[in-house]
Amino acid sequence: MRKITLISCLLLFTVYLGQNAFAQEASTQQSPKAQSTAPAPTNHFYRLDFTVEEIGADGKPINSRAYSTIVVTDSHEVMSIRTGSRIPIVVGNLGTNGKEDTQFQYQDLGVNFDVHELREIGKQLSLNLSAVLTGIAGTSDSVFHQPIIRQNRWQSYVLIPTGRPTVVFSSDSLDSKGSTRVLVTATPLQ
């Protein structure tokens, strides 16, 4: 009788372990299926077209420069555009034994754009945009004949409708009655 009871207990224990193993195997097989039905994060690609316009006193554009790049939504990377020149500026002359040695300091001129935290909100894009425009003013220093450097610097969160140019930054010029503005156009890529 004890042998029958012992065999019955072992049989029940074996059946119990088999059911648990089968249940665990079934759950691991369903797990990838459950992951595939869960909505995956959707990243979308956009082309951003930046236009920097100098506006004359009459309100009409007198100069325009364009820059483009491709960006992706929900990325933690920073997209950057850097374009420009380095110009030498005389900062001093050293004379030794009747010989002069001119010293220069280089100044970066150009356009810098940084875009991060790009997200879709309906049919619009939200992004953190930083723009730095550095250039030579129309006049120069009359005493030392050195160039006058002008700089516009903006940084803000902006909301841009897709497919339409939008003025994101604007500023009056310091040396004229004109102004400078930055437009951004976001075009979705398929």
C-alpha atoms as a PDB file:
ATOM      1  CA  MET A   1       0.000   0.000   0.000  1.00  0.00           C
ATOM      2  CA  ARG A   2       2.843   2.308   0.767  1.00  0.00           C
ATOM      3  CA  LYS A   3       4.376   1.594  -2.643  1.00  0.00           C
ATOM      4  CA  ILE A   4       1.097   2.471  -4.368  1.00  0.00           C
ATOM      5  CA  THR A   5       0.787   5.697  -2.357  1.00  0.00           C
ATOM      6  CA  LEU A   6       4.400   6.623  -3.070  1.00  0.00           C
ATOM      7  CA  ILE A   7       4.007   5.909  -6.798  1.00  0.00           C
ATOM      8  CA  SER A   8       0.744   7.887  -6.900  1.00  0.00           C
ATOM      9  CA  CYS A   9       2.393  10.875  -5.196  1.00  0.00           C
ATOM     10  CA  LEU A  10       5.335  10.752  -7.604  1.00  0.00           C
ATOM     11  CA  LEU A  11       2.968  10.548 -10.557  1.00  0.00           C
ATOM     12  CA  LEU A  12       0.938  13.553  -9.343  1.00  0.00           C
ATOM     13  CA  PHE A  13       4.146  15.512  -8.669  1.00  0.00           C
ATOM     14  CA  THR A  14       5.438  14.711 -12.182  1.00  0.00           C
ATOM     15  CA  VAL A  15       2.144  15.814 -13.755  1.00  0.00           C
ATOM     16  CA  TYR A  16       2.236  19.045 -11.697  1.00  0.00           C
ATOM     17  CA  LEU A  17       5.824  19.851 -12.789  1.00  0.00           C
ATOM     18  CA  GLY A  18       5.001  19.076 -16.413  1.00  0.00           C
ATOM     19  CA  GLN A  19       2.067  21.508 -16.392  1.00  0.00           C
ATOM     20  CA  ASN A  20       4.232  24.295 -14.907  1.00  0.00           C
ATOM     21  CA  ALA A  21       6.967  23.711 -17.483  1.00  0.00           C
ATOM     22  CA  PHE A  22       4.382  23.757 -20.290  1.00  0.00           C
ATOM     23  CA  ALA A  23       2.836  26.976 -18.940  1.00  0.00           C
ATOM     24  CA  GLN A  24       6.250  28.681 -18.762  1.00  0.00           C
ATOM     25  CA  GLU A  25       7.115  27.545 -22.280  1.00  0.00           C
ATOM     26  CA  ALA A  26       3.784  28.833 -23.584  1.00  0.00           C
ATOM     27  CA  SER A  27       4.305  32.212 -21.911  1.00  0.00           C
ATOM     28  CA  THR A  28       7.789  32.616 -23.420  1.00  0.00           C
ATOM     29  CA  GLN A  29       6.429  31.729 -26.832  1.00  0.00           C
ATOM     30  CA  GLN A  30       3.673  34.335 -26.500  1.00  0.00           C
ATOM     31  CA  SER A  31       6.024  37.011 -25.199  1.00  0.00           C
ATOM     32  CA  PRO A  32       7.606  37.890 -28.604  1.00  0.00           C
ATOM     33  CA  LYS A  33       4.140  37.839 -30.149  1.00  0.00           C
ATOM     34  CA  ALA A  34       2.905  40.245 -27.464  1.00  0.00           C
ATOM     35  CA  GLN A  35       5.890  42.486 -28.124  1.00  0.00           C
ATOM     36  CA  SER A  36       5.195  42.578 -31.852  1.00  0.00           C
ATOM     37  CA  THR A  37       1.588  43.659 -31.293  1.00  0.00           C
ATOM     38  CA  ALA A  38       2.621  46.440 -28.904  1.00  0.00           C
ATOM     39  CA  PRO A  39       2.966  49.759 -30.735  1.00  0.00           C
ATOM     40  CA  ALA A  40       6.597  50.370 -31.576  1.00  0.00           C
ATOM     41  CA  PRO A  41       7.913  53.914 -31.288  1.00  0.00           C
ATOM     42  CA  THR A  42       7.584  55.564 -34.679  1.00  0.00           C
ATOM     43  CA  ASN A  43      10.383  57.830 -35.752  1.00  0.00           C
ATOM     44  CA  HIS A  44       9.749  59.991 -38.789  1.00  0.00           C
ATOM     45  CA  PHE A  45      12.291  61.740 -40.972  1.00  0.00           C
ATOM     46  CA  TYR A  46      11.961  65.381 -42.045  1.00  0.00           C
ATOM     47  CA  ARG A  47      13.972  67.716 -44.214  1.00  0.00           C
ATOM     48  CA  LEU A  48      14.457  71.067 -42.492  1.00  0.00           C
ATOM     49  CA  ASP A  49      15.121  74.002 -44.826  1.00  0.00           C
ATOM     50  CA  PHE A  50      16.522  77.086 -43.096  1.00  0.00           C
ATOM     51  CA  THR A  51      16.465  80.448 -44.865  1.00  0.00           C
ATOM     52  CA  VAL A  52      18.287  83.480 -43.475  1.00  0.00           C
ATOM     53  CA  GLU A  53      16.981  86.703 -45.019  1.00  0.00           C
ATOM     54  CA  GLU A  54      18.291  90.224 -44.720  1.00  0.00           C
ATOM     55  CA  ILE A  55      15.417  92.650 -45.173  1.00  0.00           C
ATOM     56  CA  GLY A  56      15.985  96.198 -46.446  1.00  0.00           C
ATOM     57  CA  ALA A  57      14.406  99.380 -45.094  1.00  0.00           C
ATOM     58  CA  ASP A  58      11.633  98.976 -47.703  1.00  0.00           C
ATOM     59  CA  GLY A  59      10.648  95.566 -46.227  1.00  0.00           C
ATOM     60  CA  LYS A  60      11.911  93.568 -49.219  1.00  0.00           C
ATOM     61  CA  PRO A  61      14.605  90.857 -49.012  1.00  0.00           C
ATOM     62  CA  ILE A  62      18.012  92.113 -50.156  1.00  0.00           C
ATOM     63  CA  ASN A  63      19.991  88.932 -49.373  1.00  0.00           C
ATOM     64  CA  SER A  64      19.002  85.338 -48.732  1.00  0.00           C
ATOM     65  CA  ARG A  65      20.994  82.221 -47.798  1.00  0.00           C
ATOM     66  CA  ALA A  66      19.621  78.663 -47.593  1.00  0.00           C
ATOM     67  CA  TYR A  67      20.687  75.636 -45.526  1.00  0.00           C
ATOM     68  CA  SER A  68      19.125  72.140 -45.395  1.00  0.00           C
ATOM     69  CA  THR A  69      19.470  68.987 -43.343  1.00  0.00           C
ATOM     70  CA  ILE A  70      17.622  65.759 -42.537  1.00  0.00           C
ATOM     71  CA  VAL A  71      16.393  65.130 -38.975  1.00  0.00           C
ATOM     72  CA  VAL A  72      14.537  62.333 -37.181  1.00  0.00           C
ATOM     73  CA  THR A  73      11.843  62.687 -34.523  1.00  0.00           C
ATOM     74  CA  ASP A  74      12.218  61.355 -30.985  1.00  0.00           C
ATOM     75  CA  SER A  75      16.003  61.177 -31.233  1.00  0.00           C
ATOM     76  CA  HIS A  76      18.314  62.259 -28.467  1.00  0.00           C
ATOM     77  CA  GLU A  77      20.966  63.417 -30.929  1.00  0.00           C
ATOM     78  CA  VAL A  78      21.665  67.071 -31.709  1.00  0.00           C
ATOM     79  CA  MET A  79      21.551  68.095 -35.373  1.00  0.00           C
ATOM     80  CA  SER A  80      24.015  70.869 -36.209  1.00  0.00           C
ATOM     81  CA  ILE A  81      24.796  73.024 -39.216  1.00  0.00           C
ATOM     82  CA  ARG A  82      28.063  74.967 -39.176  1.00  0.00           C
ATOM     83  CA  THR A  83      29.127  77.142 -42.077  1.00  0.00           C
ATOM     84  CA  GLY A  84      31.427  80.126 -42.182  1.00  0.00           C
ATOM     85  CA  SER A  85      34.868  81.641 -42.524  1.00  0.00           C
ATOM     86  CA  ARG A  86      37.642  82.709 -40.187  1.00  0.00           C
ATOM     87  CA  ILE A  87      38.888  86.238 -40.838  1.00  0.00           C
ATOM     88  CA  PRO A  88      42.140  87.689 -39.473  1.00  0.00           C
ATOM     89  CA  ILE A  89      41.952  90.859 -37.377  1.00  0.00           C
ATOM     90  CA  VAL A  90      45.116  92.800 -36.584  1.00  0.00           C
ATOM     91  CA  VAL A  91      45.588  93.021 -32.816  1.00  0.00           C
ATOM     92  CA  GLY A  92      49.115  94.380 -32.583  1.00  0.00           C
ATOM     93  CA  ASN A  93      52.549  94.933 -34.044  1.00  0.00           C
ATOM     94  CA  LEU A  94      55.785  93.946 -32.345  1.00  0.00           C
ATOM     95  CA  GLY A  95      58.972  95.613 -33.476  1.00  0.00           C
ATOM     96  CA  THR A  96      62.327  93.958 -32.782  1.00  0.00           C
ATOM     97  CA  ASN A  97      65.555  95.341 -34.234  1.00  0.00           C
ATOM     98  CA  GLY A  98      63.686  97.550 -36.689  1.00  0.00           C
ATOM     99  CA  LYS A  99      61.602  94.635 -37.944  1.00  0.00           C
ATOM    100  CA  GLU A 100      57.824  94.587 -37.437  1.00  0.00           C
ATOM    101  CA  ASP A 101      55.831  91.441 -36.726  1.00  0.00           C
ATOM    102  CA  THR A 102      52.070  91.798 -37.111  1.00  0.00           C
ATOM    103  CA  GLN A 103      49.848  89.787 -34.735  1.00  0.00           C
ATOM    104  CA  PHE A 104      46.434  88.519 -35.779  1.00  0.00           C
ATOM    105  CA  GLN A 105      43.427  87.160 -33.963  1.00  0.00           C
ATOM    106  CA  TYR A 106      40.943  85.117 -36.000  1.00  0.00           C
ATOM    107  CA  GLN A 107      37.202  85.690 -35.749  1.00  0.00           C
ATOM    108  CA  ASP A 108      34.602  83.113 -36.852  1.00  0.00           C
ATOM    109  CA  LEU A 109      31.920  84.482 -39.166  1.00  0.00           C
ATOM    110  CA  GLY A 110      28.967  82.501 -40.464  1.00  0.00           C
ATOM    111  CA  VAL A 111      25.842  80.632 -39.463  1.00  0.00           C
ATOM    112  CA  ASN A 112      25.328  77.983 -36.757  1.00  0.00           C
ATOM    113  CA  PHE A 113      22.080  76.041 -36.252  1.00  0.00           C
ATOM    114  CA  ASP A 114      21.444  73.436 -33.532  1.00  0.00           C
ATOM    115  CA  VAL A 115      18.231  71.399 -33.395  1.00  0.00           C
ATOM    116  CA  HIS A 116      17.275  68.943 -30.673  1.00  0.00           C
ATOM    117  CA  GLU A 117      14.210  67.561 -28.885  1.00  0.00           C
ATOM    118  CA  LEU A 118      12.329  67.160 -32.182  1.00  0.00           C
ATOM    119  CA  ARG A 119       8.774  65.838 -31.666  1.00  0.00           C
ATOM    120  CA  GLU A 120       5.616  65.587 -33.716  1.00  0.00           C
ATOM    121  CA  ILE A 121       2.494  67.262 -32.364  1.00  0.00           C
ATOM    122  CA  GLY A 122      -0.317  66.509 -34.793  1.00  0.00           C
ATOM    123  CA  LYS A 123       0.790  67.891 -38.166  1.00  0.00           C
ATOM    124  CA  GLN A 124       3.341  70.213 -36.576  1.00  0.00           C
ATOM    125  CA  LEU A 125       6.905  69.825 -35.323  1.00  0.00           C
ATOM    126  CA  SER A 126       8.092  70.997 -31.940  1.00  0.00           C
ATOM    127  CA  LEU A 127      11.825  71.535 -31.613  1.00  0.00           C
ATOM    128  CA  ASN A 128      14.417  73.350 -29.569  1.00  0.00           C
ATOM    129  CA  LEU A 129      16.231  75.596 -32.045  1.00  0.00           C
ATOM    130  CA  SER A 130      19.384  77.624 -31.545  1.00  0.00           C
ATOM    131  CA  ALA A 131      20.644  80.011 -34.254  1.00  0.00           C
ATOM    132  CA  VAL A 132      23.781  82.168 -34.286  1.00  0.00           C
ATOM    133  CA  LEU A 133      24.422  84.518 -37.222  1.00  0.00           C
ATOM    134  CA  THR A 134      27.758  86.349 -37.205  1.00  0.00           C
ATOM    135  CA  GLY A 135      28.883  88.742 -39.941  1.00  0.00           C
ATOM    136  CA  ILE A 136      30.690  91.935 -40.781  1.00  0.00           C
ATOM    137  CA  ALA A 137      28.666  95.144 -40.505  1.00  0.00           C
ATOM    138  CA  GLY A 138      28.395  97.501 -43.475  1.00  0.00           C
ATOM    139  CA  THR A 139      30.894  99.983 -42.006  1.00  0.00           C
ATOM    140  CA  SER A 140      34.340  99.603 -40.495  1.00  0.00           C
ATOM    141  CA  ASP A 141      36.204 101.343 -37.715  1.00  0.00           C
ATOM    142  CA  SER A 142      37.436 104.656 -39.188  1.00  0.00           C
ATOM    143  CA  VAL A 143      40.455 104.955 -36.882  1.00  0.00           C
ATOM    144  CA  PHE A 144      41.998 101.488 -36.982  1.00  0.00           C
ATOM    145  CA  HIS A 145      40.235 100.227 -40.143  1.00  0.00           C
ATOM    146  CA  GLN A 146      39.128  97.059 -38.403  1.00  0.00           C
ATOM    147  CA  PRO A 147      35.826  95.380 -39.306  1.00  0.00           C
ATOM    148  CA  ILE A 148      32.819  95.699 -37.024  1.00  0.00           C
ATOM    149  CA  ILE A 149      31.372  92.280 -36.186  1.00  0.00           C
ATOM    150  CA  ARG A 150      27.599  91.906 -35.723  1.00  0.00           C
ATOM    151  CA  GLN A 151      25.991  88.864 -34.134  1.00  0.00           C
ATOM    152  CA  ASN A 152      22.385  87.699 -33.783  1.00  0.00           C
ATOM    153  CA  ARG A 153      21.801  84.848 -31.336  1.00  0.00           C
ATOM    154  CA  TRP A 154      18.471  83.115 -30.658  1.00  0.00           C
ATOM    155  CA  GLN A 155      17.458  79.986 -28.771  1.00  0.00           C
ATOM    156  CA  SER A 156      13.895  78.860 -28.164  1.00  0.00           C
ATOM    157  CA  TYR A 157      11.340  76.085 -28.475  1.00  0.00           C
ATOM    158  CA  VAL A 158       9.395  76.588 -31.701  1.00  0.00           C
ATOM    159  CA  LEU A 159       6.308  74.969 -33.233  1.00  0.00           C
ATOM    160  CA  ILE A 160       6.442  74.651 -37.030  1.00  0.00           C
ATOM    161  CA  PRO A 161       3.578  73.560 -39.304  1.00  0.00           C
ATOM    162  CA  THR A 162       4.801  71.042 -41.891  1.00  0.00           C
ATOM    163  CA  GLY A 163       5.185  72.063 -45.510  1.00  0.00           C
ATOM    164  CA  ARG A 164       4.988  75.823 -44.949  1.00  0.00           C
ATOM    165  CA  PRO A 165       7.820  78.359 -44.396  1.00  0.00           C
ATOM    166  CA  THR A 166       7.550  79.833 -40.911  1.00  0.00           C
ATOM    167  CA  VAL A 167       9.432  82.822 -39.459  1.00  0.00           C
ATOM    168  CA  VAL A 168      10.942  81.555 -36.222  1.00  0.00           C
ATOM    169  CA  PHE A 169      13.312  84.430 -35.377  1.00  0.00           C
ATOM    170  CA  SER A 170      13.432  88.093 -36.377  1.00  0.00           C
ATOM    171  CA  SER A 171      15.577  91.042 -35.328  1.00  0.00           C
ATOM    172  CA  ASP A 172      16.121  94.655 -36.364  1.00  0.00           C
ATOM    173  CA  SER A 173      19.578  95.499 -37.697  1.00  0.00           C
ATOM    174  CA  LEU A 174      21.720  97.644 -35.425  1.00  0.00           C
ATOM    175  CA  ASP A 175      23.374  99.626 -38.199  1.00  0.00           C
ATOM    176  CA  SER A 176      20.438 100.217 -40.593  1.00  0.00           C
ATOM    177  CA  LYS A 177      16.661 100.356 -40.791  1.00  0.00           C
ATOM    178  CA  GLY A 178      16.565  96.793 -42.109  1.00  0.00           C
ATOM    179  CA  SER A 179      16.150  93.515 -40.267  1.00  0.00           C
ATOM    180  CA  THR A 180      17.201  89.877 -40.276  1.00  0.00           C
ATOM    181  CA  ARG A 181      14.924  86.871 -40.009  1.00  0.00           C
ATOM    182  CA  VAL A 182      15.178  83.085 -39.981  1.00  0.00           C
ATOM    183  CA  LEU A 183      12.541  80.934 -41.703  1.00  0.00           C
ATOM    184  CA  VAL A 184      12.191  77.172 -41.308  1.00  0.00           C
ATOM    185  CA  THR A 185      10.266  74.775 -43.556  1.00  0.00           C
ATOM    186  CA  ALA A 186       9.724  71.180 -42.381  1.00  0.00           C
ATOM    187  CA  THR A 187       8.967  68.647 -45.124  1.00  0.00           C
ATOM    188  CA  PRO A 188       8.118  65.029 -44.160  1.00  0.00           C
ATOM    189  CA  LEU A 189      10.091  62.341 -45.996  1.00  0.00           C
ATOM    190  CA  GLN A 190       8.411  59.082 -46.980  1.00  0.00           C
END
